[in-house]
C-alpha atoms as a PDB file:
ATOM      1  CA  MET A   1       7.655 -10.453 -22.351  1.00  0.00           C
ATOM      2  CA  THR A   2       4.860  -8.506 -24.028  1.00  0.00           C
ATOM      3  CA  PRO A   3       5.196  -4.755 -23.365  1.00  0.00           C
ATOM      4  CA  VAL A   4       2.656  -3.609 -20.791  1.00  0.00           C
ATOM      5  CA  SER A   5       1.502  -0.749 -22.990  1.00  0.00           C
ATOM      6  CA  SER A   6       0.437  -3.127 -25.771  1.00  0.00           C
ATOM      7  CA  ARG A   7      -1.766  -5.378 -23.653  1.00  0.00           C
ATOM      8  CA  ARG A   8      -5.473  -4.903 -24.240  1.00  0.00           C
ATOM      9  CA  LEU A   9      -7.214  -4.644 -20.885  1.00  0.00           C
ATOM     10  CA  SER A  10     -10.985  -4.978 -20.670  1.00  0.00           C
ATOM     11  CA  SER A  11     -12.594  -2.749 -18.058  1.00  0.00           C
ATOM     12  CA  GLY A  12     -15.369  -5.349 -17.788  1.00  0.00           C
ATOM     13  CA  THR A  13     -12.890  -7.821 -16.311  1.00  0.00           C
ATOM     14  CA  VAL A  14     -12.493  -5.730 -13.168  1.00  0.00           C
ATOM     15  CA  ALA A  15     -15.972  -4.174 -13.094  1.00  0.00           C
ATOM     16  CA  SER A  16     -17.135  -6.555 -10.381  1.00  0.00           C
ATOM     17  CA  LEU A  17     -14.292  -5.267  -8.173  1.00  0.00           C
ATOM     18  CA  GLY A  18     -15.005  -1.622  -8.934  1.00  0.00           C
ATOM     19  CA  PRO A  19     -16.438   1.219  -6.833  1.00  0.00           C
ATOM     20  CA  ALA A  20     -19.659  -0.564  -5.823  1.00  0.00           C
ATOM     21  CA  TYR A  21     -17.723  -3.584  -4.549  1.00  0.00           C
ATOM     22  CA  TRP A  22     -15.393  -1.516  -2.358  1.00  0.00           C
ATOM     23  CA  ASP A  23     -18.273   0.692  -1.196  1.00  0.00           C
ATOM     24  CA  ALA A  24     -19.958  -2.463   0.107  1.00  0.00           C
ATOM     25  CA  ILE A  25     -16.744  -3.720   1.743  1.00  0.00           C
ATOM     26  CA  SER A  26     -16.379  -0.379   3.527  1.00  0.00           C
ATOM     27  CA  ASP A  27     -19.936  -0.623   4.849  1.00  0.00           C
ATOM     28  CA  ARG A  28     -19.362  -4.207   5.972  1.00  0.00           C
ATOM     29  CA  ILE A  29     -16.206  -3.577   8.020  1.00  0.00           C
ATOM     30  CA  LEU A  30     -17.222  -0.191   9.439  1.00  0.00           C
ATOM     31  CA  GLY A  31     -16.554  -0.372  13.160  1.00  0.00           C
ATOM     32  CA  ARG A  32     -15.134  -3.909  12.804  1.00  0.00           C
ATOM     33  CA  TYR A  33     -11.697  -3.261  11.327  1.00  0.00           C
ATOM     34  CA  TYR A  34      -9.504  -6.336  11.123  1.00  0.00           C
ATOM     35  CA  HIS A  35      -6.347  -4.794  12.647  1.00  0.00           C
ATOM     36  CA  ASP A  36      -5.763  -4.463  16.354  1.00  0.00           C
ATOM     37  CA  ALA A  37      -4.998  -0.827  17.271  1.00  0.00           C
ATOM     38  CA  LEU A  38      -1.406  -1.473  18.383  1.00  0.00           C
ATOM     39  CA  ILE A  39      -0.636  -3.628  15.359  1.00  0.00           C
ATOM     40  CA  GLY A  40      -2.181  -0.991  13.115  1.00  0.00           C
ATOM     41  CA  ARG A  41       0.051   1.710  14.562  1.00  0.00           C
ATOM     42  CA  LEU A  42       3.082  -0.557  14.169  1.00  0.00           C
ATOM     43  CA  LYS A  43       2.192  -1.052  10.502  1.00  0.00           C
ATOM     44  CA  ARG A  44       1.740   2.724  10.115  1.00  0.00           C
ATOM     45  CA  ASP A  45       5.154   3.437  11.635  1.00  0.00           C
ATOM     46  CA  VAL A  46       6.888   0.867   9.409  1.00  0.00           C
ATOM     47  CA  HIS A  47       5.482   2.577   6.308  1.00  0.00           C
ATOM     48  CA  LEU A  48       6.397   6.042   7.539  1.00  0.00           C
ATOM     49  CA  ARG A  49       9.976   4.940   8.210  1.00  0.00           C
ATOM     50  CA  LEU A  50      10.248   3.360   4.770  1.00  0.00           C
ATOM     51  CA  ILE A  51       9.018   6.548   3.084  1.00  0.00           C
ATOM     52  CA  ALA A  52      11.375   8.680   5.190  1.00  0.00           C
ATOM     53  CA  ARG A  53      14.298   6.455   4.184  1.00  0.00           C
ATOM     54  CA  TRP A  54      13.515   6.314   0.467  1.00  0.00           C
ATOM     55  CA  CYS A  55      12.056   9.820   0.042  1.00  0.00           C
ATOM     56  CA  PRO A  56      13.851  11.836   2.726  1.00  0.00           C
ATOM     57  CA  ASP A  57      13.025  15.303   1.395  1.00  0.00           C
ATOM     58  CA  LEU A  58       9.339  15.906   0.723  1.00  0.00           C
ATOM     59  CA  HIS A  59       9.597  19.681   1.128  1.00  0.00           C
ATOM     60  CA  GLY A  60       7.422  21.339  -1.508  1.00  0.00           C
ATOM     61  CA  LYS A  61       6.578  18.000  -3.143  1.00  0.00           C
ATOM     62  CA  THR A  62       3.243  16.712  -4.440  1.00  0.00           C
ATOM     63  CA  VAL A  63       2.672  13.241  -2.983  1.00  0.00           C
ATOM     64  CA  LEU A  64      -0.093  10.766  -3.890  1.00  0.00           C
ATOM     65  CA  LYS A  65      -1.241   7.766  -1.825  1.00  0.00           C
ATOM     66  CA  THR A  66      -3.087   5.416  -4.167  1.00  0.00           C
ATOM     67  CA  ASP A  67      -5.830   4.163  -1.859  1.00  0.00           C
ATOM     68  CA  LEU A  68      -7.550   5.379   1.301  1.00  0.00           C
ATOM     69  CA  PHE A  69      -8.724   2.136   2.873  1.00  0.00           C
ATOM     70  CA  GLU A  70      -6.618   2.686   5.988  1.00  0.00           C
ATOM     71  CA  GLU A  71      -7.446   6.392   6.276  1.00  0.00           C
ATOM     72  CA  ALA A  72     -11.164   5.566   6.183  1.00  0.00           C
ATOM     73  CA  HIS A  73     -11.083   2.701   8.648  1.00  0.00           C
ATOM     74  CA  GLY A  74      -7.934   1.869  10.528  1.00  0.00           C
ATOM     75  CA  PRO A  75      -5.094   2.757  12.866  1.00  0.00           C
ATOM     76  CA  ASP A  76      -2.637   1.772  10.114  1.00  0.00           C
ATOM     77  CA  GLN A  77      -3.368   4.966   8.136  1.00  0.00           C
ATOM     78  CA  PHE A  78      -0.293   7.090   7.453  1.00  0.00           C
ATOM     79  CA  LEU A  79      -1.272   9.749   4.908  1.00  0.00           C
ATOM     80  CA  PHE A  80      -2.453  12.090   7.666  1.00  0.00           C
ATOM     81  CA  GLU A  81       0.881  11.606   9.474  1.00  0.00           C
ATOM     82  CA  LEU A  82       3.057  12.148   6.416  1.00  0.00           C
ATOM     83  CA  GLU A  83       4.936  15.441   6.641  1.00  0.00           C
ATOM     84  CA  VAL A  84       5.083  17.335   3.350  1.00  0.00           C
ATOM     85  CA  PRO A  85       6.111  20.867   4.369  1.00  0.00           C
ATOM     86  CA  GLY A  86       5.087  23.413   1.760  1.00  0.00           C
ATOM     87  CA  GLY A  87       3.834  20.623  -0.486  1.00  0.00           C
ATOM     88  CA  THR A  88       0.603  18.792  -1.259  1.00  0.00           C
ATOM     89  CA  ARG A  89      -0.751  15.521   0.077  1.00  0.00           C
ATOM     90  CA  LEU A  90      -3.171  13.736  -2.238  1.00  0.00           C
ATOM     91  CA  GLY A  91      -5.183  10.611  -1.504  1.00  0.00           C
ATOM     92  CA  MET A  92      -7.245   8.643  -3.980  1.00  0.00           C
ATOM     93  CA  ASP A  93      -9.545   5.635  -3.833  1.00  0.00           C
ATOM     94  CA  ILE A  94     -11.795   3.883  -6.327  1.00  0.00           C
ATOM     95  CA  SER A  95     -14.605   3.883  -3.738  1.00  0.00           C
ATOM     96  CA  PRO A  96     -16.503   7.164  -3.218  1.00  0.00           C
ATOM     97  CA  VAL A  97     -17.712   5.820   0.144  1.00  0.00           C
ATOM     98  CA  ILE A  98     -14.145   5.215   1.303  1.00  0.00           C
ATOM     99  CA  VAL A  99     -13.115   8.685   0.104  1.00  0.00           C
ATOM    100  CA  HIS A 100     -16.041  10.196   2.038  1.00  0.00           C
ATOM    101  CA  ARG A 101     -15.097   8.351   5.215  1.00  0.00           C
ATOM    102  CA  ALA A 102     -11.424   9.245   4.858  1.00  0.00           C
ATOM    103  CA  ARG A 103     -12.377  12.899   4.324  1.00  0.00           C
ATOM    104  CA  ARG A 104     -14.547  12.810   7.439  1.00  0.00           C
ATOM    105  CA  GLU A 105     -11.648  11.314   9.419  1.00  0.00           C
ATOM    106  CA  ALA A 106      -9.332  14.054   8.130  1.00  0.00           C
ATOM    107  CA  ILE A 107     -11.798  16.693   9.323  1.00  0.00           C
ATOM    108  CA  THR A 108     -12.019  14.995  12.732  1.00  0.00           C
ATOM    109  CA  ARG A 109      -8.226  15.108  13.004  1.00  0.00           C
ATOM    110  CA  GLY A 110      -8.098  18.725  11.893  1.00  0.00           C
ATOM    111  CA  ILE A 111      -6.216  17.858   8.692  1.00  0.00           C
ATOM    112  CA  ALA A 112      -6.793  20.684   6.233  1.00  0.00           C
ATOM    113  CA  SER A 113      -3.856  20.269   3.848  1.00  0.00           C
ATOM    114  CA  CYS A 114      -4.893  16.972   2.276  1.00  0.00           C
ATOM    115  CA  SER A 115      -6.903  16.573  -0.942  1.00  0.00           C
ATOM    116  CA  LEU A 116      -8.887  13.323  -1.250  1.00  0.00           C
ATOM    117  CA  VAL A 117     -10.525  12.274  -4.518  1.00  0.00           C
ATOM    118  CA  ALA A 118     -12.249   9.283  -6.086  1.00  0.00           C
ATOM    119  CA  GLY A 119     -10.299   7.699  -8.929  1.00  0.00           C
ATOM    120  CA  ASP A 120      -9.085   4.453 -10.487  1.00  0.00           C
ATOM    121  CA  VAL A 121      -5.402   3.474 -10.637  1.00  0.00           C
ATOM    122  CA  LEU A 122      -6.107   2.070 -14.116  1.00  0.00           C
ATOM    123  CA  ALA A 123      -7.266   5.497 -15.339  1.00  0.00           C
ATOM    124  CA  LEU A 124      -5.743   8.137 -13.108  1.00  0.00           C
ATOM    125  CA  PRO A 125      -7.639  11.457 -13.063  1.00  0.00           C
ATOM    126  CA  LEU A 126      -4.375  13.406 -12.969  1.00  0.00           C
ATOM    127  CA  ARG A 127      -2.299  15.430 -15.411  1.00  0.00           C
ATOM    128  CA  ALA A 128       0.792  13.898 -16.950  1.00  0.00           C
ATOM    129  CA  GLU A 129       4.008  14.599 -15.038  1.00  0.00           C
ATOM    130  CA  SER A 130       2.192  16.281 -12.146  1.00  0.00           C
ATOM    131  CA  LEU A 131       3.445  14.245  -9.148  1.00  0.00           C
ATOM    132  CA  ASP A 132       6.777  14.109  -7.365  1.00  0.00           C
ATOM    133  CA  VAL A 133       6.131  10.985  -5.281  1.00  0.00           C
ATOM    134  CA  ILE A 134       3.618   8.151  -5.430  1.00  0.00           C
ATOM    135  CA  VAL A 135       3.151   5.785  -2.491  1.00  0.00           C
ATOM    136  CA  SER A 136       1.209   2.667  -3.462  1.00  0.00           C
ATOM    137  CA  ASN A 137       0.973   0.416  -0.433  1.00  0.00           C
ATOM    138  CA  SER A 138      -0.680  -2.909  -1.268  1.00  0.00           C
ATOM    139  CA  THR A 139      -3.137  -1.247  -3.644  1.00  0.00           C
ATOM    140  CA  LEU A 140      -2.236  -3.292  -6.708  1.00  0.00           C
ATOM    141  CA  ASP A 141      -2.561  -6.813  -5.261  1.00  0.00           C
ATOM    142  CA  HIS A 142      -6.371  -6.830  -5.487  1.00  0.00           C
ATOM    143  CA  PHE A 143      -6.734  -7.356  -9.246  1.00  0.00           C
ATOM    144  CA  PRO A 144      -8.114 -10.563 -10.797  1.00  0.00           C
ATOM    145  CA  GLU A 145      -5.293 -10.734 -13.359  1.00  0.00           C
ATOM    146  CA  PRO A 146      -1.587  -9.876 -12.936  1.00  0.00           C
ATOM    147  CA  GLN A 147      -1.409  -7.735 -16.086  1.00  0.00           C
ATOM    148  CA  TYR A 148      -3.452  -5.053 -14.340  1.00  0.00           C
ATOM    149  CA  ILE A 149      -0.542  -4.497 -11.970  1.00  0.00           C
ATOM    150  CA  GLY A 150       1.647  -3.536 -14.916  1.00  0.00           C
ATOM    151  CA  ALA A 151      -1.096  -1.335 -16.352  1.00  0.00           C
ATOM    152  CA  ALA A 152      -1.382   0.599 -13.089  1.00  0.00           C
ATOM    153  CA  LEU A 153       2.397   0.957 -12.822  1.00  0.00           C
ATOM    154  CA  ARG A 154       2.339   2.453 -16.331  1.00  0.00           C
ATOM    155  CA  GLN A 155      -0.303   4.956 -15.187  1.00  0.00           C
ATOM    156  CA  PHE A 156       1.948   5.912 -12.275  1.00  0.00           C
ATOM    157  CA  TYR A 157       4.877   6.394 -14.652  1.00  0.00           C
ATOM    158  CA  ASP A 158       2.860   8.749 -16.847  1.00  0.00           C
ATOM    159  CA  VAL A 159       1.814  11.067 -13.988  1.00  0.00           C
ATOM    160  CA  LEU A 160       5.223  11.158 -12.287  1.00  0.00           C
ATOM    161  CA  LYS A 161       7.493  14.073 -13.051  1.00  0.00           C
ATOM    162  CA  PRO A 162      10.899  13.210 -14.512  1.00  0.00           C
ATOM    163  CA  GLY A 163      13.041  12.324 -11.501  1.00  0.00           C
ATOM    164  CA  GLY A 164       9.922  11.459  -9.484  1.00  0.00           C
ATOM    165  CA  ALA A 165       9.825   8.448  -7.171  1.00  0.00           C
ATOM    166  CA  LEU A 166       7.428   5.544  -6.766  1.00  0.00           C
ATOM    167  CA  VAL A 167       7.319   3.568  -3.507  1.00  0.00           C
ATOM    168  CA  VAL A 168       5.266   0.432  -4.147  1.00  0.00           C
ATOM    169  CA  THR A 169       4.470  -2.542  -1.930  1.00  0.00           C
ATOM    170  CA  LEU A 170       2.739  -5.811  -2.791  1.00  0.00           C
ATOM    171  CA  ASP A 171       1.902  -8.990  -0.909  1.00  0.00           C
ATOM    172  CA  ASN A 172       5.063 -11.073  -0.832  1.00  0.00           C
ATOM    173  CA  PRO A 173       4.191 -14.455  -2.408  1.00  0.00           C
ATOM    174  CA  GLY A 174       7.362 -16.047  -1.021  1.00  0.00           C
ATOM    175  CA  SER A 175       6.766 -15.084   2.597  1.00  0.00           C
ATOM    176  CA  LEU A 176       5.681 -17.085   5.618  1.00  0.00           C
ATOM    177  CA  SER A 177       2.849 -14.582   6.003  1.00  0.00           C
ATOM    178  CA  TYR A 178       1.525 -15.405   2.527  1.00  0.00           C
ATOM    179  CA  MET A 179       1.640 -19.138   3.254  1.00  0.00           C
ATOM    180  CA  VAL A 180      -0.218 -18.650   6.540  1.00  0.00           C
ATOM    181  CA  GLY A 181      -2.759 -16.499   4.700  1.00  0.00           C
ATOM    182  CA  ARG A 182      -3.452 -19.226   2.150  1.00  0.00           C
ATOM    183  CA  PHE A 183      -4.069 -21.715   4.953  1.00  0.00           C
ATOM    184  CA  LYS A 184      -6.365 -19.280   6.766  1.00  0.00           C
ATOM    185  CA  ARG A 185      -8.357 -18.586   3.614  1.00  0.00           C
ATOM    186  CA  ALA A 186      -9.022 -22.306   3.259  1.00  0.00           C
ATOM    187  CA  LEU A 187     -10.719 -22.175   6.670  1.00  0.00           C
ATOM    188  CA  ARG A 188     -12.239 -18.700   6.608  1.00  0.00           C
ATOM    189  CA  PRO A 189     -12.474 -16.263   3.671  1.00  0.00           C
ATOM    190  CA  ASP A 190     -10.824 -12.862   3.905  1.00  0.00           C
ATOM    191  CA  PRO A 191     -13.107  -9.824   4.301  1.00  0.00           C
ATOM    192  CA  PHE A 192     -12.246  -8.683   0.758  1.00  0.00           C
ATOM    193  CA  PHE A 193     -10.822 -10.008  -2.484  1.00  0.00           C
ATOM    194  CA  LEU A 194      -7.098 -10.716  -2.557  1.00  0.00           C
ATOM    195  CA  GLY A 195      -5.861 -10.880  -6.108  1.00  0.00           C
ATOM    196  CA  HIS A 196      -2.634 -11.605  -7.908  1.00  0.00           C
ATOM    197  CA  THR A 197       0.713 -10.330  -6.767  1.00  0.00           C
ATOM    198  CA  LEU A 198       4.288 -10.402  -8.084  1.00  0.00           C
ATOM    199  CA  SER A 199       7.530 -11.720  -6.690  1.00  0.00           C
ATOM    200  CA  ARG A 200      10.357  -9.271  -6.088  1.00  0.00           C
ATOM    201  CA  ARG A 201      12.012 -10.383  -9.320  1.00  0.00           C
ATOM    202  CA  GLU A 202       8.766 -10.039 -11.305  1.00  0.00           C
ATOM    203  CA  LEU A 203       8.015  -6.618  -9.826  1.00  0.00           C
ATOM    204  CA  THR A 204      11.515  -5.371 -10.613  1.00  0.00           C
ATOM    205  CA  ALA A 205      11.338  -6.707 -14.186  1.00  0.00           C
ATOM    206  CA  THR A 206       7.940  -5.087 -14.756  1.00  0.00           C
ATOM    207  CA  LEU A 207       9.127  -1.719 -13.461  1.00  0.00           C
ATOM    208  CA  VAL A 208      12.256  -1.821 -15.615  1.00  0.00           C
ATOM    209  CA  GLU A 209      10.240  -2.827 -18.679  1.00  0.00           C
ATOM    210  CA  ILE A 210       8.031   0.248 -18.244  1.00  0.00           C
ATOM    211  CA  GLY A 211      11.061   2.521 -17.996  1.00  0.00           C
ATOM    212  CA  TYR A 212      11.657   2.992 -14.276  1.00  0.00           C
ATOM    213  CA  GLN A 213      15.050   2.774 -12.638  1.00  0.00           C
ATOM    214  CA  VAL A 214      14.701   0.479  -9.629  1.00  0.00           C
ATOM    215  CA  THR A 215      17.040   1.782  -6.931  1.00  0.00           C
ATOM    216  CA  ASP A 216      16.001  -0.225  -3.864  1.00  0.00           C
ATOM    217  CA  THR A 217      14.008  -3.266  -2.841  1.00  0.00           C
ATOM    218  CA  THR A 218      13.257  -4.688   0.590  1.00  0.00           C
ATOM    219  CA  ALA A 219      10.640  -6.612   2.580  1.00  0.00           C
ATOM    220  CA  ILE A 220       8.633  -5.133   5.443  1.00  0.00           C
ATOM    221  CA  LEU A 221       6.376  -6.285   8.289  1.00  0.00           C
ATOM    222  CA  HIS A 222       8.115  -9.366   9.609  1.00  0.00           C
ATOM    223  CA  GLY A 223       5.961 -10.417  12.554  1.00  0.00           C
ATOM    224  CA  LEU A 224       2.867 -11.852  10.852  1.00  0.00           C
ATOM    225  CA  GLU A 225       1.027  -8.644  11.771  1.00  0.00           C
ATOM    226  CA  ASN A 226      -1.666  -9.358   9.188  1.00  0.00           C
ATOM    227  CA  HIS A 227      -2.584 -12.504  11.123  1.00  0.00           C
ATOM    228  CA  SER A 228      -2.003 -11.347  14.708  1.00  0.00           C
ATOM    229  CA  SER A 229      -5.038  -9.257  15.593  1.00  0.00           C
ATOM    230  CA  ALA A 230      -7.113 -12.217  16.791  1.00  0.00           C
ATOM    231  CA  ALA A 231      -4.200 -13.280  18.982  1.00  0.00           C
ATOM    232  CA  MET A 232      -3.934  -9.747  20.346  1.00  0.00           C
ATOM    233  CA  ARG A 233      -7.618  -9.736  21.264  1.00  0.00           C
ATOM    234  CA  MET A 234      -7.136 -13.046  23.046  1.00  0.00           C
ATOM    235  CA  ALA A 235      -4.079 -11.640  24.829  1.00  0.00           C
ATOM    236  CA  ILE A 236      -6.204  -8.839  26.285  1.00  0.00           C
ATOM    237  CA  ARG A 237      -8.739 -11.373  27.578  1.00  0.00           C
ATOM    238  CA  LEU A 238      -6.102 -13.661  29.073  1.00  0.00           C
ATOM    239  CA  GLY A 239      -3.321 -11.346  30.183  1.00  0.00           C
ATOM    240  CA  GLY A 240      -4.690  -7.829  29.982  1.00  0.00           C
ATOM    241  CA  GLN A 241      -2.946  -4.791  28.574  1.00  0.00           C
ATOM    242  CA  ARG A 242       0.478  -5.843  29.865  1.00  0.00           C
ATOM    243  CA  LEU A 243       0.564  -8.999  27.710  1.00  0.00           C
ATOM    244  CA  HIS A 244      -0.951  -7.049  24.833  1.00  0.00           C
ATOM    245  CA  ARG A 245       1.865  -4.486  24.977  1.00  0.00           C
ATOM    246  CA  ALA A 246       4.517  -7.194  25.387  1.00  0.00           C
ATOM    247  CA  ILE A 247       3.389  -8.931  22.183  1.00  0.00           C
ATOM    248  CA  ASN A 248       3.386  -5.614  20.360  1.00  0.00           C
ATOM    249  CA  ALA A 249       6.926  -4.896  21.582  1.00  0.00           C
ATOM    250  CA  LEU A 250       8.015  -8.310  20.270  1.00  0.00           C
ATOM    251  CA  LEU A 251       6.441  -7.601  16.881  1.00  0.00           C
ATOM    252  CA  ALA A 252       8.246  -4.257  16.740  1.00  0.00           C
ATOM    253  CA  LEU A 253      11.518  -6.012  17.568  1.00  0.00           C
ATOM    254  CA  LEU A 254      10.977  -8.458  14.715  1.00  0.00           C
ATOM    255  CA  GLU A 255      11.100  -5.543  12.254  1.00  0.00           C
ATOM    256  CA  ARG A 256      14.879  -5.742  12.652  1.00  0.00           C
ATOM    257  CA  LEU A 257      14.655  -8.805  10.409  1.00  0.00           C
ATOM    258  CA  GLU A 258      14.513  -6.391   7.476  1.00  0.00           C
ATOM    259  CA  ALA A 259      18.302  -6.247   7.749  1.00  0.00           C
ATOM    260  CA  ALA A 260      18.658 -10.045   7.651  1.00  0.00           C
ATOM    261  CA  PRO A 261      19.399 -12.114   4.515  1.00  0.00           C
ATOM    262  CA  THR A 262      16.104 -13.935   5.157  1.00  0.00           C
ATOM    263  CA  ARG A 263      13.996 -10.761   4.895  1.00  0.00           C
ATOM    264  CA  TYR A 264      12.180 -11.937   1.755  1.00  0.00           C
ATOM    265  CA  LEU A 265      11.047 -15.032   3.633  1.00  0.00           C
ATOM    266  CA  THR A 266       9.808 -13.211   6.753  1.00  0.00           C
ATOM    267  CA  GLY A 267       8.513  -9.931   5.272  1.00  0.00           C
ATOM    268  CA  ALA A 268       4.788  -9.883   4.506  1.00  0.00           C
ATOM    269  CA  PHE A 269       5.246  -7.241   1.779  1.00  0.00           C
ATOM    270  CA  ILE A 270       7.868  -6.693  -0.854  1.00  0.00           C
ATOM    271  CA  ALA A 271       8.702  -3.036  -1.413  1.00  0.00           C
ATOM    272  CA  ALA A 272      10.465  -1.293  -4.288  1.00  0.00           C
ATOM    273  CA  ARG A 273      11.669   2.249  -4.884  1.00  0.00           C
ATOM    274  CA  ALA A 274      11.598   3.187  -8.566  1.00  0.00           C
ATOM    275  CA  ILE A 275      12.554   6.465 -10.235  1.00  0.00           C
ATOM    276  CA  LYS A 276      11.211   7.880 -13.480  1.00  0.00           C
ATOM    277  CA  PRO A 277      14.410   8.924 -15.272  1.00  0.00           C
ATOM    278  CA  ASP A 278      14.957  12.583 -16.063  1.00  0.00           C
ATOM    279  CA  ARG A 279      15.817  12.504 -19.764  1.00  0.00           C
ATOM    280  CA  THR A 280      16.069  16.248 -20.230  1.00  0.00           C
ATOM    281  CA  ASP A 281      19.818  15.884 -20.710  1.00  0.00           C
ATOM    282  CA  GLY A 282      19.102  14.101 -24.012  1.00  0.00           C
ATOM    283  CA  ARG A 283      20.841  10.863 -23.092  1.00  0.00           C
END
């Protein structure tokens, strides 16, 4: 495998999916977000529990979330809910429009302790070894070529402090959700570009190649939440709020499948926890 750092990446290759593209996507879905409110909150809670499990002590830490799509638009946002006592919450997005809308939402919620900036995961506007934790939730599966995933993971490695943790999720190409998504896209395009992703084995190998220590992997969101919002809207029309809540309760129950041996078949996203080794001991 060619080392990620030696691959030559042309910025022109991803220019068409740069700030202007995501600005336009933000304008297009404003007020028409694709997630049902209850499903969005379920997705939010799953991410918050995963972070709490893998990064249990965020006291005094500097934490970066690598895109702000949810914070700008949806009920699945979790940066504003993330508790970092005495620390710093950072949010970044390649789209200035999305950053502006996320900042406006933070003001509406009375969130003062959260810094939101425009930036590219392929060229992070951050100092080396300045972050304790990076949370990258399905940010890196929107590139036109898979090598960009490795390039972004290298950027994350450079800005993490020694001993710092990365929590990264990607679309799970081996999941039922991914198969359903491919069928749906044949009938109706997604609202935005879905790019390459990596299998759990490929993600782990890429992280290790860069220098991370991969300590945990799992799969999350087991109830086809990404495809359920239309069904939830129909449930409200047919059965009202009671049926709506019952379906949501069932989806929440299905999250217990994370503990099952089949989790990489049912989970819509693969997730990995990776640590940048602290080599100050000279070993």
